[in-house]
């Protein structure tokens, strides 16, 4: 059906069950030229039920339920799905970036010490000899560094200059 349909109230004369293939209904409505009876592509209505229909002014036999036609697509209707897709991809990319960033802090499980949280054996004061440097930085980027390099402000008299294990 083309644009510029005419709306009218109609009454269902007969209606097929929706279980039937090709089910249709017969509707009667009034036009300027008089009453019209036409076939409507709809099913499951009760005889005598009122419906709002649209028909072509030039051909009243072409009838449909009102509001079931296609509308002209506006720019917003065409661009809205593209915008939603774009922002969805941006959000997914941000999540991937956040998920691949190294965590700046490890969280301990309730009741666990900080050394248990990072998978190190818990140490006690008896295991660490007096005067030992305690260095908490570990990893390959800290290998072959002396205590003086790792602890700014330490004087050579405080350190024997040995390389600390990583």
C-alpha atoms as a PDB file:
ATOM      1  CA  UNK A   1       0.000   0.000   0.000  1.00  0.00           C
ATOM      2  CA  UNK A   2       1.403   3.378  -0.902  1.00  0.00           C
ATOM      3  CA  UNK A   3       1.711   6.444   1.261  1.00  0.00           C
ATOM      4  CA  UNK A   4      -1.219   8.685   2.227  1.00  0.00           C
ATOM      5  CA  UNK A   5      -3.708   6.051   3.402  1.00  0.00           C
ATOM      6  CA  UNK A   6      -7.160   7.008   4.692  1.00  0.00           C
ATOM      7  CA  UNK A   7      -8.182   5.811   8.178  1.00  0.00           C
ATOM      8  CA  UNK A   8     -11.623   4.426   8.978  1.00  0.00           C
ATOM      9  CA  UNK A   9     -13.393   2.398  11.654  1.00  0.00           C
ATOM     10  CA  UNK A  10     -14.569  -0.967  10.454  1.00  0.00           C
ATOM     11  CA  UNK A  11     -16.427  -3.954  11.780  1.00  0.00           C
ATOM     12  CA  UNK A  12     -15.297  -7.562  11.354  1.00  0.00           C
ATOM     13  CA  UNK A  13     -17.806  -9.574   9.336  1.00  0.00           C
ATOM     14  CA  UNK A  14     -15.943 -12.919   9.319  1.00  0.00           C
ATOM     15  CA  UNK A  15     -12.530 -13.996  10.579  1.00  0.00           C
ATOM     16  CA  UNK A  16     -10.586 -17.225  10.102  1.00  0.00           C
ATOM     17  CA  UNK A  17      -8.761 -19.015  12.905  1.00  0.00           C
ATOM     18  CA  UNK A  18      -5.080 -18.119  13.099  1.00  0.00           C
ATOM     19  CA  UNK A  19      -4.245 -21.856  12.925  1.00  0.00           C
ATOM     20  CA  UNK A  20      -5.422 -21.917   9.294  1.00  0.00           C
ATOM     21  CA  UNK A  21      -2.812 -21.239   6.615  1.00  0.00           C
ATOM     22  CA  UNK A  22      -3.610 -18.046   4.680  1.00  0.00           C
ATOM     23  CA  UNK A  23      -6.113 -16.947   7.328  1.00  0.00           C
ATOM     24  CA  UNK A  24      -7.932 -13.692   6.597  1.00  0.00           C
ATOM     25  CA  UNK A  25     -10.842 -11.625   7.826  1.00  0.00           C
ATOM     26  CA  UNK A  26     -13.600  -9.735   6.067  1.00  0.00           C
ATOM     27  CA  UNK A  27     -14.153  -6.181   7.255  1.00  0.00           C
ATOM     28  CA  UNK A  28     -16.873  -3.658   6.493  1.00  0.00           C
ATOM     29  CA  UNK A  29     -16.202   0.070   6.726  1.00  0.00           C
ATOM     30  CA  UNK A  30     -17.609   3.303   5.333  1.00  0.00           C
ATOM     31  CA  UNK A  31     -16.023   5.612   2.787  1.00  0.00           C
ATOM     32  CA  UNK A  32     -17.162   8.852   1.175  1.00  0.00           C
ATOM     33  CA  UNK A  33     -18.574   6.730  -1.643  1.00  0.00           C
ATOM     34  CA  UNK A  34     -20.493   4.428   0.733  1.00  0.00           C
ATOM     35  CA  UNK A  35     -19.952   1.166   2.639  1.00  0.00           C
ATOM     36  CA  UNK A  36     -17.165  -1.173   1.482  1.00  0.00           C
ATOM     37  CA  UNK A  37     -16.588  -4.842   2.326  1.00  0.00           C
ATOM     38  CA  UNK A  38     -12.978  -5.946   1.807  1.00  0.00           C
ATOM     39  CA  UNK A  39     -10.603  -8.740   2.745  1.00  0.00           C
ATOM     40  CA  UNK A  40      -8.207  -7.914   5.562  1.00  0.00           C
ATOM     41  CA  UNK A  41      -4.965  -9.797   6.162  1.00  0.00           C
ATOM     42  CA  UNK A  42      -5.685 -10.560   9.834  1.00  0.00           C
ATOM     43  CA  UNK A  43      -7.060 -13.489  11.809  1.00  0.00           C
ATOM     44  CA  UNK A  44      -8.604 -14.448  15.132  1.00  0.00           C
ATOM     45  CA  UNK A  45     -11.120 -11.594  15.434  1.00  0.00           C
ATOM     46  CA  UNK A  46     -14.693 -12.014  16.636  1.00  0.00           C
ATOM     47  CA  UNK A  47     -17.505 -11.102  14.227  1.00  0.00           C
ATOM     48  CA  UNK A  48     -18.793  -7.622  15.062  1.00  0.00           C
ATOM     49  CA  UNK A  49     -15.482  -6.532  16.629  1.00  0.00           C
ATOM     50  CA  UNK A  50     -14.519  -2.953  15.754  1.00  0.00           C
ATOM     51  CA  UNK A  51     -11.087  -2.328  14.228  1.00  0.00           C
ATOM     52  CA  UNK A  52      -9.275   0.711  12.875  1.00  0.00           C
ATOM     53  CA  UNK A  53      -8.255   0.200   9.251  1.00  0.00           C
ATOM     54  CA  UNK A  54      -6.426   2.135   6.559  1.00  0.00           C
ATOM     55  CA  UNK A  55      -7.332   2.009   2.880  1.00  0.00           C
ATOM     56  CA  UNK A  56      -6.284   3.722  -0.323  1.00  0.00           C
ATOM     57  CA  UNK A  57      -8.552   6.539  -1.379  1.00  0.00           C
ATOM     58  CA  UNK A  58      -8.208   5.421  -5.018  1.00  0.00           C
ATOM     59  CA  UNK A  59      -8.730   1.696  -4.241  1.00  0.00           C
ATOM     60  CA  UNK A  60     -10.718   1.014  -1.036  1.00  0.00           C
ATOM     61  CA  UNK A  61     -10.403  -2.769  -1.573  1.00  0.00           C
ATOM     62  CA  UNK A  62      -6.744  -2.483  -0.510  1.00  0.00           C
ATOM     63  CA  UNK A  63      -7.168  -2.381   3.257  1.00  0.00           C
ATOM     64  CA  UNK A  64      -4.916  -3.114   6.237  1.00  0.00           C
ATOM     65  CA  UNK A  65      -5.037  -2.744  10.003  1.00  0.00           C
ATOM     66  CA  UNK A  66      -4.090   0.804  10.964  1.00  0.00           C
ATOM     67  CA  UNK A  67      -0.519   1.259  12.157  1.00  0.00           C
ATOM     68  CA  UNK A  68       0.866  -1.845  10.442  1.00  0.00           C
ATOM     69  CA  UNK A  69       2.334  -0.094   7.413  1.00  0.00           C
ATOM     70  CA  UNK A  70       5.940   0.834   6.905  1.00  0.00           C
ATOM     71  CA  UNK A  71       7.035   4.388   7.558  1.00  0.00           C
ATOM     72  CA  UNK A  72       9.578   6.496   5.768  1.00  0.00           C
ATOM     73  CA  UNK A  73      12.879   6.012   7.564  1.00  0.00           C
ATOM     74  CA  UNK A  74      14.289   9.144   9.088  1.00  0.00           C
ATOM     75  CA  UNK A  75      17.980   9.862   9.492  1.00  0.00           C
ATOM     76  CA  UNK A  76      17.752   9.123  13.224  1.00  0.00           C
ATOM     77  CA  UNK A  77      16.175   5.720  12.612  1.00  0.00           C
ATOM     78  CA  UNK A  78      18.976   4.817  10.211  1.00  0.00           C
ATOM     79  CA  UNK A  79      21.855   6.134  12.353  1.00  0.00           C
ATOM     80  CA  UNK A  80      20.688   4.937  15.774  1.00  0.00           C
ATOM     81  CA  UNK A  81      21.762   1.277  15.304  1.00  0.00           C
ATOM     82  CA  UNK A  82      25.138   2.411  13.955  1.00  0.00           C
ATOM     83  CA  UNK A  83      25.637   4.686  16.988  1.00  0.00           C
ATOM     84  CA  UNK A  84      24.718   1.916  19.422  1.00  0.00           C
ATOM     85  CA  UNK A  85      27.152  -0.433  17.691  1.00  0.00           C
ATOM     86  CA  UNK A  86      29.929   2.191  17.766  1.00  0.00           C
ATOM     87  CA  UNK A  87      29.570   2.917  21.486  1.00  0.00           C
ATOM     88  CA  UNK A  88      29.304  -0.810  22.237  1.00  0.00           C
ATOM     89  CA  UNK A  89      32.611  -1.424  20.469  1.00  0.00           C
ATOM     90  CA  UNK A  90      34.245   1.473  22.330  1.00  0.00           C
ATOM     91  CA  UNK A  91      33.028   0.057  25.652  1.00  0.00           C
ATOM     92  CA  UNK A  92      34.265  -3.446  24.760  1.00  0.00           C
ATOM     93  CA  UNK A  93      37.673  -2.024  23.782  1.00  0.00           C
ATOM     94  CA  UNK A  94      37.919  -0.152  27.074  1.00  0.00           C
ATOM     95  CA  UNK A  95      37.163  -3.362  28.974  1.00  0.00           C
ATOM     96  CA  UNK A  96      39.865  -5.232  27.064  1.00  0.00           C
ATOM     97  CA  UNK A  97      42.407  -2.499  27.832  1.00  0.00           C
ATOM     98  CA  UNK A  98      41.478  -2.507  31.524  1.00  0.00           C
ATOM     99  CA  UNK A  99      41.614  -6.304  31.699  1.00  0.00           C
ATOM    100  CA  UNK A 100      45.096  -6.470  30.165  1.00  0.00           C
ATOM    101  CA  UNK A 101      46.650  -3.792  32.402  1.00  0.00           C
ATOM    102  CA  UNK A 102      48.800  -5.188  35.204  1.00  0.00           C
ATOM    103  CA  UNK A 103      47.249  -4.810  38.588  1.00  0.00           C
ATOM    104  CA  UNK A 104      48.986  -2.182  40.666  1.00  0.00           C
ATOM    105  CA  UNK A 105      47.967  -3.859  43.894  1.00  0.00           C
ATOM    106  CA  UNK A 106      47.350  -7.403  45.011  1.00  0.00           C
ATOM    107  CA  UNK A 107      44.495  -8.064  47.374  1.00  0.00           C
ATOM    108  CA  UNK A 108      44.959 -10.400  50.316  1.00  0.00           C
ATOM    109  CA  UNK A 109      42.360 -12.965  51.204  1.00  0.00           C
ATOM    110  CA  UNK A 110      40.647 -12.331  54.540  1.00  0.00           C
ATOM    111  CA  UNK A 111      42.821 -13.574  57.384  1.00  0.00           C
ATOM    112  CA  UNK A 112      45.943 -13.963  55.232  1.00  0.00           C
ATOM    113  CA  UNK A 113      49.102 -11.952  55.720  1.00  0.00           C
ATOM    114  CA  UNK A 114      50.460  -9.772  52.926  1.00  0.00           C
ATOM    115  CA  UNK A 115      53.227 -12.282  52.163  1.00  0.00           C
ATOM    116  CA  UNK A 116      50.658 -15.089  51.766  1.00  0.00           C
ATOM    117  CA  UNK A 117      48.679 -12.908  49.341  1.00  0.00           C
ATOM    118  CA  UNK A 118      51.598 -12.728  46.895  1.00  0.00           C
ATOM    119  CA  UNK A 119      52.566 -16.388  47.325  1.00  0.00           C
ATOM    120  CA  UNK A 120      55.675 -15.905  49.487  1.00  0.00           C
ATOM    121  CA  UNK A 121      56.323 -17.861  52.659  1.00  0.00           C
ATOM    122  CA  UNK A 122      55.528 -15.869  55.748  1.00  0.00           C
ATOM    123  CA  UNK A 123      58.677 -14.768  57.555  1.00  0.00           C
ATOM    124  CA  UNK A 124      59.093 -14.138  61.263  1.00  0.00           C
ATOM    125  CA  UNK A 125      61.458 -11.871  63.196  1.00  0.00           C
ATOM    126  CA  UNK A 126      63.584 -14.883  64.270  1.00  0.00           C
ATOM    127  CA  UNK A 127      64.300 -15.858  60.635  1.00  0.00           C
ATOM    128  CA  UNK A 128      65.717 -12.420  59.702  1.00  0.00           C
ATOM    129  CA  UNK A 129      69.140 -11.728  61.266  1.00  0.00           C
ATOM    130  CA  UNK A 130      69.636  -8.342  62.875  1.00  0.00           C
ATOM    131  CA  UNK A 131      71.111  -5.694  60.565  1.00  0.00           C
ATOM    132  CA  UNK A 132      69.874  -7.405  57.382  1.00  0.00           C
ATOM    133  CA  UNK A 133      68.569  -5.166  54.606  1.00  0.00           C
ATOM    134  CA  UNK A 134      64.906  -5.925  53.888  1.00  0.00           C
ATOM    135  CA  UNK A 135      64.185  -5.181  50.248  1.00  0.00           C
ATOM    136  CA  UNK A 136      60.592  -5.634  49.082  1.00  0.00           C
ATOM    137  CA  UNK A 137      61.227  -5.118  45.352  1.00  0.00           C
ATOM    138  CA  UNK A 138      61.548  -8.375  43.436  1.00  0.00           C
ATOM    139  CA  UNK A 139      61.914  -9.360  39.822  1.00  0.00           C
ATOM    140  CA  UNK A 140      64.384  -9.226  36.956  1.00  0.00           C
ATOM    141  CA  UNK A 141      64.391  -5.436  36.823  1.00  0.00           C
ATOM    142  CA  UNK A 142      66.042  -5.375  40.280  1.00  0.00           C
ATOM    143  CA  UNK A 143      68.760  -7.995  39.749  1.00  0.00           C
ATOM    144  CA  UNK A 144      72.413  -7.047  40.303  1.00  0.00           C
ATOM    145  CA  UNK A 145      71.612  -3.936  42.296  1.00  0.00           C
ATOM    146  CA  UNK A 146      73.335  -3.118  45.552  1.00  0.00           C
ATOM    147  CA  UNK A 147      71.578  -2.079  48.708  1.00  0.00           C
ATOM    148  CA  UNK A 148      72.847   1.466  48.164  1.00  0.00           C
ATOM    149  CA  UNK A 149      71.155   1.584  44.763  1.00  0.00           C
ATOM    150  CA  UNK A 150      67.910   0.131  46.065  1.00  0.00           C
ATOM    151  CA  UNK A 151      67.735   2.264  49.164  1.00  0.00           C
ATOM    152  CA  UNK A 152      68.427   5.901  48.311  1.00  0.00           C
ATOM    153  CA  UNK A 153      70.172   7.735  51.098  1.00  0.00           C
ATOM    154  CA  UNK A 154      72.109   4.702  52.379  1.00  0.00           C
ATOM    155  CA  UNK A 155      75.824   5.352  52.832  1.00  0.00           C
ATOM    156  CA  UNK A 156      78.531   2.825  51.899  1.00  0.00           C
ATOM    157  CA  UNK A 157      79.294   2.425  55.612  1.00  0.00           C
ATOM    158  CA  UNK A 158      75.758   1.053  56.100  1.00  0.00           C
ATOM    159  CA  UNK A 159      76.116  -1.393  53.225  1.00  0.00           C
ATOM    160  CA  UNK A 160      78.929  -3.790  52.524  1.00  0.00           C
ATOM    161  CA  UNK A 161      78.395  -3.253  48.772  1.00  0.00           C
ATOM    162  CA  UNK A 162      77.419  -6.843  48.071  1.00  0.00           C
ATOM    163  CA  UNK A 163      74.852  -7.579  45.404  1.00  0.00           C
ATOM    164  CA  UNK A 164      71.515  -8.389  46.954  1.00  0.00           C
ATOM    165  CA  UNK A 165      69.619 -11.457  45.749  1.00  0.00           C
ATOM    166  CA  UNK A 166      66.487 -10.683  43.791  1.00  0.00           C
END
